[in-house]
C-alpha cells in the first residue's frame, strides 16, 4: 500500500508542461494592389509543426487570389525566426507554386487574444522559383508577379484541445483504485457465484 501511495504522489507531482497547438487568425491583411488575405493556421510549438492551414488571398491589380494549404518548402521551415511562408501546393515540387510570406516574431504559446504585428516591409505574395522553394519571385527578378502586404496582423484565437497529462494520469489512477478496491480474487469469487 505504501508503494501505491508513493506512486500516486509522484505521478501527481511530476506533471510535465505540454504546450497545446495554438490557432492563429489573419486580421485586416491587405496588399499594395488592393487584394486581401484572410484565414487561419495552427502551430504546435512542441513539434514545431503547422496544421490546419487555410489561408485565402483575393485578386488585386497584380495577382489573382489563391488558397494556401501548406508550408512553402524551405521557406516554410523557419517559424522560430519569424518567417511564416505558405504555399498553395503540398509539394514536394514547389516550382511555380504560390508563396505567401508573413514576417513576425510570434509567441507560439500565446493565450487567446495575443496580437502579433507583422513587418510590412517583407510580407509578400508571389511564387516559388525552384523545386524546394528556397527562393521566391520579387519585383526585381519578376516585375509584376509579386505584391507586398501593407497592413494586417495575426491574433491567437484559441489552443486546440488535446488530452493533458493530468487527465491521462487521472484515468490511470482510477484504474489503480479499482484494482485496489476490488482485488482479483474477490472479482473471481463474485464471478464464480
N, C-alpha and C. Protein backbone atom coordinates (compact mmCIF):
# COMPACT_ATOMS: atom_id res chain seq x y z
N UNK A 1 0.82 -1.19 0.00
CA UNK A 1 0.00 0.00 0.00
C UNK A 1 0.87 1.26 0.00
N UNK A 2 1.99 1.19 0.72
CA UNK A 2 2.89 2.34 0.79
C UNK A 2 3.45 2.66 -0.61
N UNK A 3 3.79 1.61 -1.38
CA UNK A 3 4.32 1.82 -2.73
C UNK A 3 3.27 2.47 -3.62
N UNK A 4 2.03 2.03 -3.46
CA UNK A 4 0.95 2.60 -4.26
C UNK A 4 0.77 4.09 -3.96
N UNK A 5 0.79 4.45 -2.69
CA UNK A 5 0.65 5.86 -2.31
C UNK A 5 1.81 6.70 -2.83
N UNK A 6 3.03 6.17 -2.76
CA UNK A 6 4.18 6.89 -3.29
C UNK A 6 4.06 7.06 -4.81
N UNK A 7 3.61 6.03 -5.48
CA UNK A 7 3.41 6.11 -6.93
C UNK A 7 2.40 7.19 -7.28
N UNK A 8 1.30 7.22 -6.56
CA UNK A 8 0.27 8.24 -6.80
C UNK A 8 0.83 9.63 -6.53
N UNK A 9 1.57 9.79 -5.43
CA UNK A 9 2.14 11.09 -5.09
C UNK A 9 3.08 11.58 -6.19
N UNK A 10 4.02 10.73 -6.62
CA UNK A 10 4.98 11.15 -7.64
C UNK A 10 4.31 11.38 -8.99
N UNK A 11 3.29 10.62 -9.30
CA UNK A 11 2.57 10.83 -10.56
C UNK A 11 1.90 12.19 -10.58
N UNK A 12 1.27 12.56 -9.48
CA UNK A 12 0.56 13.83 -9.43
C UNK A 12 1.49 15.03 -9.31
N UNK A 13 2.67 14.85 -8.75
CA UNK A 13 3.57 15.99 -8.54
C UNK A 13 4.59 16.16 -9.66
N UNK A 14 4.63 15.28 -10.63
CA UNK A 14 5.61 15.41 -11.71
C UNK A 14 4.91 15.62 -13.05
N UNK A 15 3.95 16.52 -13.06
CA UNK A 15 3.26 16.83 -14.31
C UNK A 15 4.19 17.64 -15.21
N UNK A 16 4.38 17.18 -16.43
CA UNK A 16 5.19 17.91 -17.39
C UNK A 16 4.38 19.00 -18.06
N UNK A 17 5.07 20.00 -18.56
CA UNK A 17 4.39 21.08 -19.28
C UNK A 17 4.24 20.69 -20.74
N UNK A 18 3.02 20.71 -21.22
CA UNK A 18 2.74 20.40 -22.61
C UNK A 18 2.06 21.62 -23.23
N UNK A 19 2.66 22.16 -24.27
CA UNK A 19 2.03 23.28 -24.96
C UNK A 19 1.04 22.72 -25.97
N UNK A 20 -0.14 23.30 -25.98
CA UNK A 20 -1.15 22.87 -26.93
C UNK A 20 -0.98 23.67 -28.22
N UNK A 21 -1.32 23.07 -29.38
CA UNK A 21 -1.27 23.85 -30.62
C UNK A 21 -2.19 25.07 -30.49
N UNK A 22 -1.72 26.19 -31.00
CA UNK A 22 -2.49 27.43 -30.93
C UNK A 22 -2.95 27.81 -32.33
N UNK A 23 -4.20 28.21 -32.44
CA UNK A 23 -4.76 28.64 -33.71
C UNK A 23 -4.54 30.14 -33.88
N UNK A 24 -4.15 30.55 -35.09
CA UNK A 24 -3.86 31.95 -35.40
C UNK A 24 -4.74 32.41 -36.56
N UNK A 25 -5.26 33.61 -36.45
CA UNK A 25 -6.13 34.16 -37.49
C UNK A 25 -5.50 35.41 -38.09
N UNK A 26 -5.59 35.54 -39.43
CA UNK A 26 -5.12 36.74 -40.10
C UNK A 26 -6.21 37.80 -40.00
N UNK A 27 -5.83 39.01 -39.61
CA UNK A 27 -6.79 40.10 -39.42
C UNK A 27 -6.36 41.32 -40.24
N UNK A 28 -7.25 41.85 -41.05
CA UNK A 28 -7.04 43.09 -41.83
C UNK A 28 -5.80 43.06 -42.72
N UNK A 29 -5.48 41.90 -43.30
CA UNK A 29 -4.35 41.83 -44.23
C UNK A 29 -4.75 42.43 -45.57
N UNK A 30 -3.92 43.34 -46.07
CA UNK A 30 -4.17 43.93 -47.38
C UNK A 30 -2.85 44.06 -48.13
N UNK A 31 -2.94 43.90 -49.47
CA UNK A 31 -1.77 44.02 -50.34
C UNK A 31 -1.76 45.37 -51.05
N UNK A 32 -0.60 45.74 -51.57
CA UNK A 32 -0.46 47.02 -52.26
C UNK A 32 -1.22 47.09 -53.58
N UNK A 33 -1.76 45.98 -54.07
CA UNK A 33 -2.55 46.00 -55.31
C UNK A 33 -4.06 45.95 -55.03
N UNK A 34 -4.46 46.08 -53.77
CA UNK A 34 -5.87 46.07 -53.40
C UNK A 34 -6.40 44.72 -52.97
N UNK A 35 -5.63 43.65 -53.17
CA UNK A 35 -6.05 42.32 -52.72
C UNK A 35 -5.98 42.21 -51.21
N UNK A 36 -6.65 41.20 -50.70
CA UNK A 36 -6.67 40.97 -49.25
C UNK A 36 -6.31 39.53 -48.94
N UNK A 37 -5.97 39.27 -47.69
CA UNK A 37 -5.69 37.91 -47.22
C UNK A 37 -6.49 37.67 -45.95
N UNK A 38 -7.01 36.46 -45.81
CA UNK A 38 -7.74 36.09 -44.60
C UNK A 38 -7.61 34.59 -44.42
N UNK A 39 -7.94 34.12 -43.23
CA UNK A 39 -7.87 32.70 -42.93
C UNK A 39 -7.15 32.44 -41.63
N UNK A 40 -6.70 31.19 -41.46
CA UNK A 40 -6.07 30.81 -40.20
C UNK A 40 -5.13 29.63 -40.39
N UNK A 41 -4.35 29.37 -39.35
CA UNK A 41 -3.47 28.20 -39.29
C UNK A 41 -3.24 27.89 -37.82
N UNK A 42 -2.75 26.69 -37.55
CA UNK A 42 -2.40 26.29 -36.18
C UNK A 42 -0.92 25.95 -36.14
N UNK A 43 -0.31 26.13 -34.97
CA UNK A 43 1.10 25.80 -34.79
C UNK A 43 1.29 25.12 -33.45
N UNK A 44 2.01 24.00 -33.47
CA UNK A 44 2.33 23.24 -32.26
C UNK A 44 3.79 23.50 -31.92
N UNK A 45 4.04 24.24 -30.85
CA UNK A 45 5.42 24.59 -30.50
C UNK A 45 6.22 23.41 -29.97
N UNK A 46 5.55 22.33 -29.54
CA UNK A 46 6.28 21.14 -29.10
C UNK A 46 6.90 20.41 -30.29
N UNK A 47 6.14 20.29 -31.37
CA UNK A 47 6.61 19.55 -32.54
C UNK A 47 7.16 20.47 -33.63
N UNK A 48 6.99 21.79 -33.45
CA UNK A 48 7.39 22.78 -34.45
C UNK A 48 6.70 22.53 -35.80
N UNK A 49 5.42 22.14 -35.73
CA UNK A 49 4.67 21.81 -36.94
C UNK A 49 3.44 22.69 -37.09
N UNK A 50 3.17 23.07 -38.34
CA UNK A 50 1.94 23.76 -38.69
C UNK A 50 0.87 22.73 -39.01
N UNK A 51 -0.38 23.10 -38.83
CA UNK A 51 -1.51 22.25 -39.24
C UNK A 51 -2.70 23.15 -39.54
N UNK A 52 -3.72 22.57 -40.12
CA UNK A 52 -4.96 23.29 -40.41
C UNK A 52 -4.72 24.62 -41.13
N UNK A 53 -3.79 24.62 -42.09
CA UNK A 53 -3.50 25.84 -42.85
C UNK A 53 -4.65 26.06 -43.83
N UNK A 54 -5.29 27.20 -43.71
CA UNK A 54 -6.44 27.52 -44.54
C UNK A 54 -6.47 29.04 -44.75
N UNK A 55 -5.59 29.51 -45.65
CA UNK A 55 -5.42 30.95 -45.89
C UNK A 55 -5.81 31.26 -47.33
N UNK A 56 -6.58 32.31 -47.51
CA UNK A 56 -7.03 32.74 -48.84
C UNK A 56 -6.53 34.15 -49.12
N UNK A 57 -6.16 34.40 -50.38
CA UNK A 57 -5.90 35.76 -50.82
C UNK A 57 -6.89 36.06 -51.94
N UNK A 58 -7.26 37.33 -52.06
CA UNK A 58 -8.20 37.74 -53.11
C UNK A 58 -7.44 38.43 -54.24
N UNK A 59 -8.07 38.49 -55.39
CA UNK A 59 -7.45 39.12 -56.56
C UNK A 59 -7.27 40.62 -56.35
N UNK A 60 -6.18 41.12 -56.93
CA UNK A 60 -5.89 42.54 -56.95
C UNK A 60 -5.44 42.92 -58.35
N UNK A 61 -4.85 44.08 -58.51
CA UNK A 61 -4.42 44.51 -59.84
C UNK A 61 -3.19 43.77 -60.35
N UNK A 62 -2.41 43.14 -59.46
CA UNK A 62 -1.20 42.42 -59.87
C UNK A 62 -1.37 40.91 -59.90
N UNK A 63 -2.04 40.34 -58.92
CA UNK A 63 -2.15 38.88 -58.81
C UNK A 63 -3.58 38.44 -58.59
N UNK A 64 -3.86 37.22 -59.03
CA UNK A 64 -5.14 36.58 -58.71
C UNK A 64 -5.06 36.00 -57.31
N UNK A 65 -6.20 35.74 -56.71
CA UNK A 65 -6.23 35.14 -55.38
C UNK A 65 -5.84 33.68 -55.41
N UNK A 66 -5.43 33.17 -54.26
CA UNK A 66 -5.02 31.76 -54.11
C UNK A 66 -5.53 31.22 -52.78
N UNK A 67 -5.45 29.90 -52.65
CA UNK A 67 -5.80 29.21 -51.40
C UNK A 67 -4.55 28.49 -50.91
N UNK A 68 -4.00 28.94 -49.80
CA UNK A 68 -2.76 28.38 -49.25
C UNK A 68 -3.09 27.28 -48.25
N UNK A 69 -2.45 26.10 -48.43
CA UNK A 69 -2.81 24.91 -47.66
C UNK A 69 -1.63 24.25 -46.94
N UNK A 70 -0.40 24.70 -47.21
CA UNK A 70 0.77 24.05 -46.61
C UNK A 70 1.88 25.08 -46.40
N UNK A 71 2.96 24.63 -45.76
CA UNK A 71 4.13 25.49 -45.66
C UNK A 71 4.87 25.43 -46.99
N UNK A 72 5.64 26.46 -47.29
CA UNK A 72 6.30 26.59 -48.59
C UNK A 72 7.73 26.05 -48.55
N UNK A 73 7.89 24.75 -48.69
CA UNK A 73 9.21 24.13 -48.80
C UNK A 73 10.22 24.66 -47.82
N UNK A 74 11.42 25.01 -48.32
CA UNK A 74 12.49 25.53 -47.46
C UNK A 74 12.09 26.82 -46.75
N UNK A 75 11.33 27.67 -47.42
CA UNK A 75 10.89 28.93 -46.80
C UNK A 75 10.01 28.67 -45.58
N UNK A 76 9.26 27.57 -45.60
CA UNK A 76 8.33 27.29 -44.52
C UNK A 76 8.93 26.64 -43.30
N UNK A 77 10.25 26.48 -43.27
CA UNK A 77 10.92 25.78 -42.17
C UNK A 77 11.52 26.69 -41.10
N UNK A 78 11.16 27.96 -41.07
CA UNK A 78 11.80 28.88 -40.13
C UNK A 78 10.84 29.69 -39.27
N UNK A 79 9.78 29.09 -38.74
CA UNK A 79 8.86 29.90 -37.94
C UNK A 79 9.51 30.47 -36.68
N UNK A 80 10.49 29.78 -36.11
CA UNK A 80 11.14 30.27 -34.90
C UNK A 80 11.95 31.53 -35.16
N UNK A 81 12.24 31.84 -36.43
CA UNK A 81 12.97 33.06 -36.78
C UNK A 81 12.04 34.16 -37.27
N UNK A 82 10.73 33.93 -37.17
CA UNK A 82 9.77 34.95 -37.56
C UNK A 82 9.34 34.90 -39.00
N UNK A 83 9.74 33.86 -39.74
CA UNK A 83 9.36 33.74 -41.15
C UNK A 83 8.27 32.68 -41.28
N UNK A 84 7.09 33.11 -41.67
CA UNK A 84 5.99 32.19 -41.94
C UNK A 84 5.77 32.22 -43.44
N UNK A 85 5.96 31.10 -44.11
CA UNK A 85 5.79 31.05 -45.57
C UNK A 85 4.88 29.89 -45.92
N UNK A 86 3.84 30.20 -46.68
CA UNK A 86 2.82 29.22 -47.03
C UNK A 86 2.75 29.04 -48.54
N UNK A 87 2.23 27.88 -48.96
CA UNK A 87 2.11 27.58 -50.38
C UNK A 87 0.72 27.05 -50.70
N UNK A 88 0.36 27.12 -51.99
CA UNK A 88 -0.93 26.59 -52.41
C UNK A 88 -0.83 25.17 -52.94
N UNK A 89 0.35 24.55 -52.83
CA UNK A 89 0.52 23.13 -53.16
C UNK A 89 1.18 22.44 -51.97
N UNK A 90 1.10 21.13 -51.96
CA UNK A 90 1.61 20.36 -50.83
C UNK A 90 2.98 19.75 -51.12
N UNK A 91 3.64 20.19 -52.19
CA UNK A 91 4.97 19.70 -52.52
C UNK A 91 4.96 18.28 -53.03
N UNK A 92 6.09 17.66 -53.23
CA UNK A 92 7.42 18.16 -52.89
C UNK A 92 7.97 19.19 -53.89
N UNK A 93 7.40 19.25 -55.12
CA UNK A 93 7.88 20.21 -56.11
C UNK A 93 7.10 21.51 -55.99
N UNK A 94 7.78 22.58 -55.59
CA UNK A 94 7.14 23.88 -55.39
C UNK A 94 7.38 24.84 -56.56
N UNK A 95 8.00 24.40 -57.63
CA UNK A 95 8.29 25.27 -58.76
C UNK A 95 7.00 25.89 -59.30
N UNK A 96 6.92 27.21 -59.29
CA UNK A 96 5.75 27.92 -59.79
C UNK A 96 4.57 27.96 -58.82
N UNK A 97 4.71 27.34 -57.67
CA UNK A 97 3.61 27.31 -56.69
C UNK A 97 3.45 28.67 -56.02
N UNK A 98 2.26 28.96 -55.56
CA UNK A 98 2.01 30.20 -54.84
C UNK A 98 2.81 30.26 -53.55
N UNK A 99 3.19 31.46 -53.16
CA UNK A 99 4.04 31.69 -51.99
C UNK A 99 3.52 32.91 -51.26
N UNK A 100 3.25 32.78 -49.97
CA UNK A 100 2.75 33.89 -49.16
C UNK A 100 3.59 33.95 -47.90
N UNK A 101 4.26 35.08 -47.71
CA UNK A 101 5.19 35.23 -46.59
C UNK A 101 4.66 36.27 -45.60
N UNK A 102 4.68 35.87 -44.33
CA UNK A 102 4.35 36.78 -43.24
C UNK A 102 5.56 36.78 -42.31
N UNK A 103 6.09 37.94 -42.01
CA UNK A 103 7.22 38.03 -41.10
C UNK A 103 6.77 38.68 -39.80
N UNK A 104 6.89 37.93 -38.71
CA UNK A 104 6.51 38.44 -37.39
C UNK A 104 7.07 37.50 -36.34
N UNK A 105 7.66 38.07 -35.30
CA UNK A 105 8.06 37.22 -34.18
C UNK A 105 6.81 36.90 -33.38
N UNK A 106 6.54 35.62 -33.21
CA UNK A 106 5.30 35.18 -32.58
C UNK A 106 5.60 34.37 -31.34
N UNK A 107 4.87 34.64 -30.28
CA UNK A 107 4.90 33.78 -29.10
C UNK A 107 3.94 32.63 -29.40
N UNK A 108 4.47 31.50 -29.85
CA UNK A 108 3.63 30.40 -30.29
C UNK A 108 2.87 29.72 -29.15
N UNK A 109 3.17 30.07 -27.91
CA UNK A 109 2.41 29.54 -26.76
C UNK A 109 1.48 30.60 -26.19
N UNK A 110 1.14 31.58 -26.99
CA UNK A 110 0.36 32.72 -26.51
C UNK A 110 -1.06 32.33 -26.12
N UNK A 111 -1.61 33.04 -25.14
CA UNK A 111 -3.01 32.83 -24.78
C UNK A 111 -3.91 33.45 -25.85
N UNK A 112 -5.19 33.10 -25.86
CA UNK A 112 -6.12 33.71 -26.83
C UNK A 112 -6.11 35.23 -26.71
N UNK A 113 -6.14 35.90 -27.86
CA UNK A 113 -6.16 37.35 -27.88
C UNK A 113 -4.80 38.00 -28.07
N UNK A 114 -3.73 37.21 -28.10
CA UNK A 114 -2.38 37.75 -28.29
C UNK A 114 -2.25 38.25 -29.73
N UNK A 115 -1.74 39.46 -29.91
CA UNK A 115 -1.59 40.06 -31.23
C UNK A 115 -0.12 40.03 -31.63
N UNK A 116 0.15 39.57 -32.85
CA UNK A 116 1.50 39.58 -33.41
C UNK A 116 1.48 40.46 -34.66
N UNK A 117 2.15 41.60 -34.59
CA UNK A 117 2.22 42.50 -35.73
C UNK A 117 3.29 42.02 -36.70
N UNK A 118 3.03 42.16 -37.98
CA UNK A 118 4.00 41.74 -38.99
C UNK A 118 4.89 42.90 -39.39
N UNK A 119 6.04 42.55 -39.97
CA UNK A 119 6.93 43.56 -40.54
C UNK A 119 6.46 43.77 -41.97
N UNK A 120 5.86 44.89 -42.23
CA UNK A 120 5.21 45.13 -43.51
C UNK A 120 6.20 45.22 -44.67
N UNK A 121 7.45 45.56 -44.41
CA UNK A 121 8.42 45.71 -45.49
C UNK A 121 8.77 44.39 -46.17
N UNK A 122 8.54 43.27 -45.51
CA UNK A 122 8.96 41.99 -46.11
C UNK A 122 7.81 41.02 -46.35
N UNK A 123 6.63 41.27 -45.83
CA UNK A 123 5.49 40.40 -46.11
C UNK A 123 5.08 40.53 -47.57
N UNK A 124 4.84 39.41 -48.25
CA UNK A 124 4.55 39.47 -49.68
C UNK A 124 3.86 38.20 -50.16
N UNK A 125 3.33 38.29 -51.38
CA UNK A 125 2.80 37.12 -52.08
C UNK A 125 3.40 37.10 -53.47
N UNK A 126 3.86 35.93 -53.90
CA UNK A 126 4.38 35.73 -55.25
C UNK A 126 4.36 34.24 -55.54
N UNK A 127 5.45 33.71 -56.11
CA UNK A 127 5.52 32.28 -56.39
C UNK A 127 6.94 31.77 -56.17
N UNK A 128 7.03 30.47 -55.91
CA UNK A 128 8.34 29.82 -55.72
C UNK A 128 9.01 29.66 -57.09
N UNK A 129 10.31 29.93 -57.14
CA UNK A 129 11.02 29.84 -58.42
C UNK A 129 11.82 28.55 -58.59
N UNK A 130 11.79 27.65 -57.61
CA UNK A 130 12.52 26.40 -57.75
C UNK A 130 11.83 25.27 -56.97
N UNK A 131 12.37 24.07 -57.13
CA UNK A 131 11.78 22.84 -56.60
C UNK A 131 11.51 22.91 -55.10
N UNK A 132 12.49 23.34 -54.31
CA UNK A 132 12.35 23.33 -52.85
C UNK A 132 11.86 24.66 -52.28
N UNK A 133 11.57 25.60 -53.14
CA UNK A 133 11.10 26.93 -52.74
C UNK A 133 12.08 27.62 -51.79
N UNK A 134 13.38 27.52 -52.06
CA UNK A 134 14.34 28.28 -51.26
C UNK A 134 14.46 29.71 -51.78
N UNK A 135 13.78 29.99 -52.90
CA UNK A 135 13.76 31.34 -53.43
C UNK A 135 12.38 31.62 -54.02
N UNK A 136 11.95 32.87 -53.90
CA UNK A 136 10.64 33.26 -54.43
C UNK A 136 10.79 34.51 -55.30
N UNK A 137 9.84 34.68 -56.21
CA UNK A 137 9.87 35.83 -57.12
C UNK A 137 9.68 37.13 -56.35
N UNK A 138 10.27 38.19 -56.87
CA UNK A 138 10.08 39.52 -56.29
C UNK A 138 10.04 40.55 -57.42
N UNK A 139 9.86 41.80 -57.08
CA UNK A 139 9.73 42.84 -58.11
C UNK A 139 11.01 43.08 -58.90
N UNK A 140 12.14 42.68 -58.35
CA UNK A 140 13.40 42.85 -59.08
C UNK A 140 13.58 41.73 -60.10
N UNK A 141 13.33 40.49 -59.68
CA UNK A 141 13.55 39.35 -60.58
C UNK A 141 12.38 39.08 -61.50
N UNK A 142 11.17 39.35 -61.07
CA UNK A 142 9.97 39.08 -61.86
C UNK A 142 8.96 40.22 -61.69
N UNK A 143 9.21 41.37 -62.30
CA UNK A 143 8.30 42.51 -62.12
C UNK A 143 6.86 42.16 -62.49
N UNK A 144 5.93 42.62 -61.64
CA UNK A 144 4.51 42.40 -61.90
C UNK A 144 3.97 41.08 -61.41
N UNK A 145 4.83 40.23 -60.80
CA UNK A 145 4.37 38.92 -60.33
C UNK A 145 4.49 38.77 -58.81
N UNK A 146 4.51 39.89 -58.12
CA UNK A 146 4.51 39.82 -56.65
C UNK A 146 3.80 41.06 -56.12
N UNK A 147 3.37 40.97 -54.88
CA UNK A 147 2.73 42.11 -54.22
C UNK A 147 3.10 42.09 -52.74
N UNK A 148 3.16 43.27 -52.15
CA UNK A 148 3.58 43.42 -50.76
C UNK A 148 2.39 43.64 -49.84
N UNK A 149 2.52 43.18 -48.59
CA UNK A 149 1.48 43.47 -47.60
C UNK A 149 1.66 44.90 -47.11
N UNK A 150 0.55 45.59 -46.93
CA UNK A 150 0.61 46.97 -46.43
C UNK A 150 -0.10 47.12 -45.09
N UNK A 151 -0.84 46.08 -44.69
CA UNK A 151 -1.48 46.12 -43.37
C UNK A 151 -1.82 44.70 -42.94
N UNK A 152 -2.15 44.57 -41.67
CA UNK A 152 -2.58 43.28 -41.14
C UNK A 152 -1.77 42.80 -39.96
N UNK A 153 -2.37 41.92 -39.19
CA UNK A 153 -1.70 41.33 -38.03
C UNK A 153 -2.30 39.94 -37.78
N UNK A 154 -1.64 39.19 -36.91
CA UNK A 154 -2.11 37.87 -36.50
C UNK A 154 -2.64 37.95 -35.08
N UNK A 155 -3.67 37.17 -34.79
CA UNK A 155 -4.18 37.11 -33.42
C UNK A 155 -4.41 35.64 -33.06
N UNK A 156 -3.97 35.28 -31.86
CA UNK A 156 -4.20 33.90 -31.39
C UNK A 156 -5.66 33.79 -30.98
N UNK A 157 -6.32 32.76 -31.49
CA UNK A 157 -7.74 32.63 -31.19
C UNK A 157 -8.00 31.64 -30.07
N UNK A 158 -7.35 30.48 -30.11
CA UNK A 158 -7.55 29.52 -29.03
C UNK A 158 -6.61 28.35 -29.18
N UNK A 159 -6.22 27.75 -28.06
CA UNK A 159 -5.48 26.50 -28.15
C UNK A 159 -6.42 25.40 -28.63
N UNK A 160 -5.87 24.46 -29.36
CA UNK A 160 -6.66 23.32 -29.81
C UNK A 160 -6.64 22.29 -28.69
N UNK A 161 -7.80 21.86 -28.19
CA UNK A 161 -7.82 20.93 -27.06
C UNK A 161 -7.11 19.61 -27.38
N UNK A 162 -6.35 19.13 -26.44
CA UNK A 162 -5.76 17.80 -26.53
C UNK A 162 -5.66 17.26 -25.11
N UNK A 163 -5.62 15.94 -24.97
CA UNK A 163 -5.59 15.39 -23.62
C UNK A 163 -4.35 15.85 -22.86
N UNK A 164 -4.53 16.22 -21.62
CA UNK A 164 -3.40 16.65 -20.81
C UNK A 164 -2.86 15.47 -20.01
N UNK A 165 -1.67 15.63 -19.50
CA UNK A 165 -1.10 14.58 -18.66
C UNK A 165 -1.97 14.36 -17.43
N UNK A 166 -2.53 15.43 -16.88
CA UNK A 166 -3.36 15.28 -15.70
C UNK A 166 -4.57 14.39 -15.99
N UNK A 167 -5.23 14.63 -17.13
CA UNK A 167 -6.40 13.82 -17.49
C UNK A 167 -6.01 12.37 -17.71
N UNK A 168 -4.90 12.15 -18.41
CA UNK A 168 -4.46 10.78 -18.66
C UNK A 168 -4.06 10.08 -17.35
N UNK A 169 -3.37 10.81 -16.46
CA UNK A 169 -2.98 10.22 -15.18
C UNK A 169 -4.19 9.94 -14.30
N UNK A 170 -5.20 10.78 -14.37
CA UNK A 170 -6.41 10.55 -13.59
C UNK A 170 -7.07 9.24 -13.99
N UNK A 171 -7.14 8.99 -15.29
CA UNK A 171 -7.70 7.72 -15.77
C UNK A 171 -6.88 6.55 -15.24
N UNK A 172 -5.55 6.68 -15.30
CA UNK A 172 -4.69 5.62 -14.78
C UNK A 172 -4.89 5.39 -13.29
N UNK A 173 -5.04 6.48 -12.53
CA UNK A 173 -5.26 6.35 -11.09
C UNK A 173 -6.61 5.70 -10.79
N UNK A 174 -7.61 5.99 -11.59
CA UNK A 174 -8.91 5.34 -11.40
C UNK A 174 -8.80 3.83 -11.61
N UNK A 175 -8.04 3.45 -12.61
CA UNK A 175 -7.84 2.01 -12.86
C UNK A 175 -7.11 1.38 -11.68
N UNK A 176 -6.08 2.07 -11.15
CA UNK A 176 -5.37 1.55 -9.97
C UNK A 176 -6.30 1.45 -8.77
N UNK A 177 -7.15 2.45 -8.57
CA UNK A 177 -8.08 2.44 -7.43
C UNK A 177 -9.05 1.27 -7.53
N UNK A 178 -9.54 1.00 -8.73
CA UNK A 178 -10.44 -0.15 -8.91
C UNK A 178 -9.70 -1.44 -8.59
N UNK A 179 -8.43 -1.51 -9.00
CA UNK A 179 -7.64 -2.71 -8.71
C UNK A 179 -7.41 -2.92 -7.22
N UNK A 180 -7.22 -1.82 -6.48
CA UNK A 180 -7.03 -1.92 -5.04
C UNK A 180 -8.34 -2.25 -4.34
N UNK A 181 -9.41 -1.60 -4.76
CA UNK A 181 -10.71 -1.80 -4.11
C UNK A 181 -11.29 -3.18 -4.40
N UNK A 182 -11.00 -3.69 -5.56
CA UNK A 182 -11.56 -5.00 -5.95
C UNK A 182 -10.43 -5.92 -6.40
N UNK A 183 -9.70 -6.50 -5.45
CA UNK A 183 -8.63 -7.41 -5.83
C UNK A 183 -9.17 -8.54 -6.71
N UNK A 184 -8.31 -9.10 -7.51
CA UNK A 184 -8.69 -10.10 -8.50
C UNK A 184 -9.42 -11.29 -7.88
N UNK A 185 -8.97 -11.76 -6.72
CA UNK A 185 -9.62 -12.94 -6.14
C UNK A 185 -11.06 -12.64 -5.74
N UNK A 186 -11.34 -11.39 -5.27
CA UNK A 186 -12.73 -11.06 -4.94
C UNK A 186 -13.59 -11.02 -6.20
N UNK A 187 -13.04 -10.49 -7.27
CA UNK A 187 -13.79 -10.45 -8.53
C UNK A 187 -14.04 -11.86 -9.03
N UNK A 188 -13.02 -12.71 -8.95
CA UNK A 188 -13.16 -14.10 -9.41
C UNK A 188 -14.19 -14.85 -8.55
N UNK A 189 -14.18 -14.61 -7.23
CA UNK A 189 -15.17 -15.26 -6.36
C UNK A 189 -16.57 -14.79 -6.72
N UNK A 190 -16.70 -13.50 -7.01
CA UNK A 190 -18.02 -12.96 -7.37
C UNK A 190 -18.50 -13.57 -8.68
N UNK A 191 -17.62 -13.70 -9.64
CA UNK A 191 -18.00 -14.27 -10.94
C UNK A 191 -18.33 -15.76 -10.84
N UNK A 192 -17.70 -16.45 -9.89
CA UNK A 192 -17.94 -17.89 -9.74
C UNK A 192 -19.30 -18.19 -9.13
N UNK A 193 -19.91 -17.24 -8.43
CA UNK A 193 -21.21 -17.49 -7.78
C UNK A 193 -22.37 -17.22 -8.68
